Protein backbone atom coordinates (compact mmCIF):
# COMPACT_ATOMS: atom_id res chain seq x y z
CA UNK A 1 0.00 0.00 0.00
CA UNK A 2 1.14 3.54 -0.79
CA UNK A 3 0.67 5.83 2.20
CA UNK A 4 0.09 9.53 2.57
CA UNK A 5 -0.62 11.52 5.71
CA UNK A 6 -4.30 10.54 5.89
CA UNK A 7 -4.94 7.93 3.22
CA UNK A 8 -3.54 4.78 1.73
CA UNK A 9 -3.83 3.66 -1.88
CA UNK A 10 -4.24 -0.09 -2.21
CA UNK A 11 -5.44 -2.68 -4.70
CA UNK A 12 -9.19 -2.83 -5.33
CA UNK A 13 -10.87 -5.51 -3.21
CA UNK A 14 -14.02 -7.34 -4.27
CA UNK A 15 -15.89 -5.93 -1.27
CA UNK A 16 -15.10 -2.36 -2.45
CA UNK A 17 -17.11 -2.76 -5.64
CA UNK A 18 -20.68 -2.64 -4.27
CA UNK A 19 -19.84 0.43 -2.14
CA UNK A 20 -18.19 2.28 -5.02
CA UNK A 21 -21.03 1.38 -7.38
CA UNK A 22 -23.74 2.55 -4.96
CA UNK A 23 -22.06 5.72 -3.74
CA UNK A 24 -20.20 6.93 -6.83
CA UNK A 25 -21.50 5.39 -10.03
CA UNK A 26 -25.21 4.99 -9.31
CA UNK A 27 -25.31 8.72 -8.51
CA UNK A 28 -26.20 10.06 -11.97
CA UNK A 29 -25.09 13.66 -11.35
CA UNK A 30 -21.77 12.72 -9.73
CA UNK A 31 -20.95 10.10 -12.35
CA UNK A 32 -21.87 12.49 -15.18
CA UNK A 33 -19.51 15.13 -13.78
CA UNK A 34 -16.68 12.63 -13.26
CA UNK A 35 -16.65 10.84 -16.60
CA UNK A 36 -16.42 11.82 -20.22
CA UNK A 37 -18.93 9.14 -21.24
CA UNK A 38 -22.67 9.40 -20.71
CA UNK A 39 -24.04 7.74 -17.59
CA UNK A 40 -25.82 4.45 -18.02
CA UNK A 41 -27.12 1.93 -15.49
CA UNK A 42 -25.09 -1.21 -14.92
CA UNK A 43 -26.79 -4.47 -13.97
CA UNK A 44 -26.00 -5.87 -10.51
CA UNK A 45 -23.15 -8.36 -10.75
CA UNK A 46 -21.99 -7.04 -14.14
CA UNK A 47 -18.25 -6.69 -14.65
CA UNK A 48 -18.24 -2.88 -14.76
CA UNK A 49 -14.88 -1.85 -16.28
CA UNK A 50 -14.86 1.33 -14.15
CA UNK A 51 -14.72 -0.82 -11.02
CA UNK A 52 -13.36 -4.27 -11.83
CA UNK A 53 -9.59 -4.12 -12.20
CA UNK A 54 -7.77 -5.76 -15.10
CA UNK A 55 -4.32 -6.38 -13.65
CA UNK A 56 -2.91 -6.96 -17.14
CA UNK A 57 -3.82 -3.48 -18.41
CA UNK A 58 -0.70 -1.33 -18.80
CA UNK A 59 -2.19 2.10 -19.42
CA UNK A 60 -4.03 2.52 -16.13
CA UNK A 61 -3.37 1.81 -12.46
CA UNK A 62 -6.55 1.94 -10.35
CA UNK A 63 -6.46 2.10 -6.56
CA UNK A 64 -8.99 2.01 -3.78
CA UNK A 65 -8.45 4.84 -1.30
CA UNK A 66 -8.70 3.99 2.40
CA UNK A 67 -8.27 5.96 5.59
CA UNK A 68 -4.99 5.09 7.26
CA UNK A 69 -6.69 5.12 10.63
CA UNK A 70 -9.17 2.27 10.50
CA UNK A 71 -8.87 1.27 6.83
CA UNK A 72 -12.32 2.58 5.85
CA UNK A 73 -12.89 2.87 2.10
CA UNK A 74 -13.15 6.56 1.13
CA UNK A 75 -12.88 6.48 -2.68
CA UNK A 76 -10.89 5.64 -5.79
CA UNK A 77 -7.74 6.99 -7.38
CA UNK A 78 -6.24 6.26 -10.78
CA UNK A 79 -3.10 6.97 -12.73
CA UNK A 80 -4.44 6.63 -16.28
CA UNK A 81 -3.43 7.31 -19.87
CA UNK A 82 0.09 6.21 -18.96
CA UNK A 83 2.42 6.90 -21.88
CA UNK A 84 5.73 5.13 -21.18
CA UNK A 85 7.44 6.65 -24.22
CA UNK A 86 6.77 10.29 -23.30
CA UNK A 87 6.67 9.42 -19.57
CA UNK A 88 3.38 11.18 -18.90
CA UNK A 89 0.12 10.17 -17.22
CA UNK A 90 -3.14 11.62 -15.96
CA UNK A 91 -4.48 11.65 -12.41
CA UNK A 92 -8.07 10.94 -11.46
CA UNK A 93 -9.85 10.49 -8.17
CA UNK A 94 -13.34 10.20 -6.73
CA UNK A 95 -14.25 10.40 -3.07
CA UNK A 96 -17.36 8.94 -1.48
CA UNK A 97 -19.82 11.70 -0.51
CA UNK A 98 -19.24 11.27 3.26
CA UNK A 99 -15.47 11.57 2.73
CA UNK A 100 -15.43 14.88 0.89
CA UNK A 101 -14.18 18.09 2.51
CA UNK A 102 -11.76 16.36 4.89
CA UNK A 103 -8.48 16.91 3.04
CA UNK A 104 -8.38 13.43 1.55
CA UNK A 105 -8.27 14.74 -2.04
CA UNK A 106 -5.09 16.73 -1.44
CA UNK A 107 -3.47 13.70 0.18
CA UNK A 108 -4.57 11.40 -2.67
CA UNK A 109 -3.02 13.74 -5.25
CA UNK A 110 0.21 13.82 -3.21
CA UNK A 111 0.38 10.01 -3.06
CA UNK A 112 -0.35 9.72 -6.80
CA UNK A 113 2.47 12.21 -7.48
CA UNK A 114 4.85 10.08 -5.43
CA UNK A 115 3.71 6.98 -7.31
CA UNK A 116 4.00 8.65 -10.72
CA UNK A 117 7.32 10.43 -10.23
CA UNK A 118 9.19 8.13 -7.83
CA UNK A 119 7.80 4.66 -8.43
CA UNK A 120 7.02 4.95 -12.17
CA UNK A 121 9.73 7.46 -13.14
CA UNK A 122 7.32 9.69 -15.06
CA UNK A 123 8.23 13.18 -16.26
CA UNK A 124 4.79 14.85 -16.27
CA UNK A 125 1.46 14.39 -14.56
CA UNK A 126 -1.71 16.05 -15.77
CA UNK A 127 -5.18 16.69 -14.37
CA UNK A 128 -8.28 17.71 -16.28
CA UNK A 129 -11.25 18.77 -14.18
CA UNK A 130 -14.42 20.77 -14.56
CA UNK A 131 -13.84 24.48 -14.05
CA UNK A 132 -16.33 24.58 -11.16
CA UNK A 133 -14.68 21.66 -9.30
CA UNK A 134 -13.05 23.88 -6.66
CA UNK A 135 -12.01 20.99 -4.37
CA UNK A 136 -10.05 19.26 -7.17
CA UNK A 137 -8.48 22.51 -8.33
CA UNK A 138 -7.44 23.27 -4.75
CA UNK A 139 -6.03 19.73 -4.22
CA UNK A 140 -4.01 19.95 -7.44
CA UNK A 141 -2.63 23.43 -6.77
CA UNK A 142 -1.69 22.54 -3.17
CA UNK A 143 0.47 19.82 -4.68
CA UNK A 144 2.22 22.19 -7.11
CA UNK A 145 0.11 21.69 -10.23
CA UNK A 146 -0.05 24.73 -12.49
CA UNK A 147 -3.10 25.78 -14.49
CA UNK A 148 -2.03 25.48 -18.11
CA UNK A 149 -5.26 26.29 -19.86
CA UNK A 150 -9.00 26.20 -20.09
CA UNK A 151 -10.75 23.94 -22.55
CA UNK A 152 -13.81 26.03 -23.29
CA UNK A 153 -17.15 24.22 -23.37
CA UNK A 154 -15.38 20.89 -23.74
CA UNK A 155 -17.45 18.72 -21.40
CA UNK A 156 -21.11 17.84 -21.88
CA UNK A 157 -22.52 17.57 -18.34
CA UNK A 158 -26.19 17.08 -17.55
CA UNK A 159 -27.53 19.07 -20.50
CA UNK A 160 -24.93 21.79 -20.87
CA UNK A 161 -21.38 22.34 -22.03
CA UNK A 162 -18.92 23.15 -19.24
CA UNK A 163 -15.33 24.41 -19.30
CA UNK A 164 -12.51 22.14 -18.17
CA UNK A 165 -9.25 23.26 -16.60
CA UNK A 166 -5.99 21.60 -17.61
CA UNK A 167 -3.31 21.42 -14.90
CA UNK A 168 0.19 20.00 -15.19
CA UNK A 169 3.14 19.19 -12.96
CA UNK A 170 6.66 18.27 -14.07
CA UNK A 171 8.89 15.97 -12.04
CA UNK A 172 11.53 18.70 -11.70
CA UNK A 173 8.92 21.07 -10.21
CA UNK A 174 7.42 18.58 -7.78
CA UNK A 175 8.16 19.18 -4.14
CA UNK A 176 7.24 16.20 -1.95
CA UNK A 177 5.32 17.27 1.12
CA UNK A 178 4.19 20.54 -0.50
CA UNK A 179 0.53 19.76 0.23
CA UNK A 180 -0.90 21.08 3.44
């Protein structure tokens, strides 16, 4: 398990899946804001590719996020779009509703930076988030990410186009422990 100050990132366990499905993906508004694909219901017991981990996939590393104190599941984190030639990847995370606003997001981003830069030897990490997602913007910037641009009206979310913000962090600019 990778550890931050508040959270740990570990492999997805089978018992995580029903919780993540019910609290993150069955919530139409939340799921629509978090994904670039349209929401659709998934049958109980179906092998939902957003939740079930394919350990052979090379372009994505999904984690379950747990509290260090007690081990309670608080969300998901992913290093995705991993490009080993250019040594870049994207960061994504989703916290369960009861776990939001407690500083977990900032800690998750910090742990994913450590994983990307130290463990994987990447050169650049990138985050794309909706322009009104203040908690994600704050978590990224607290970890040294720089706003590099706005993708105007690039996301279709619940009946309207919304701007996305592009943030980037280079390995040489990363300062471990910067969050806080």
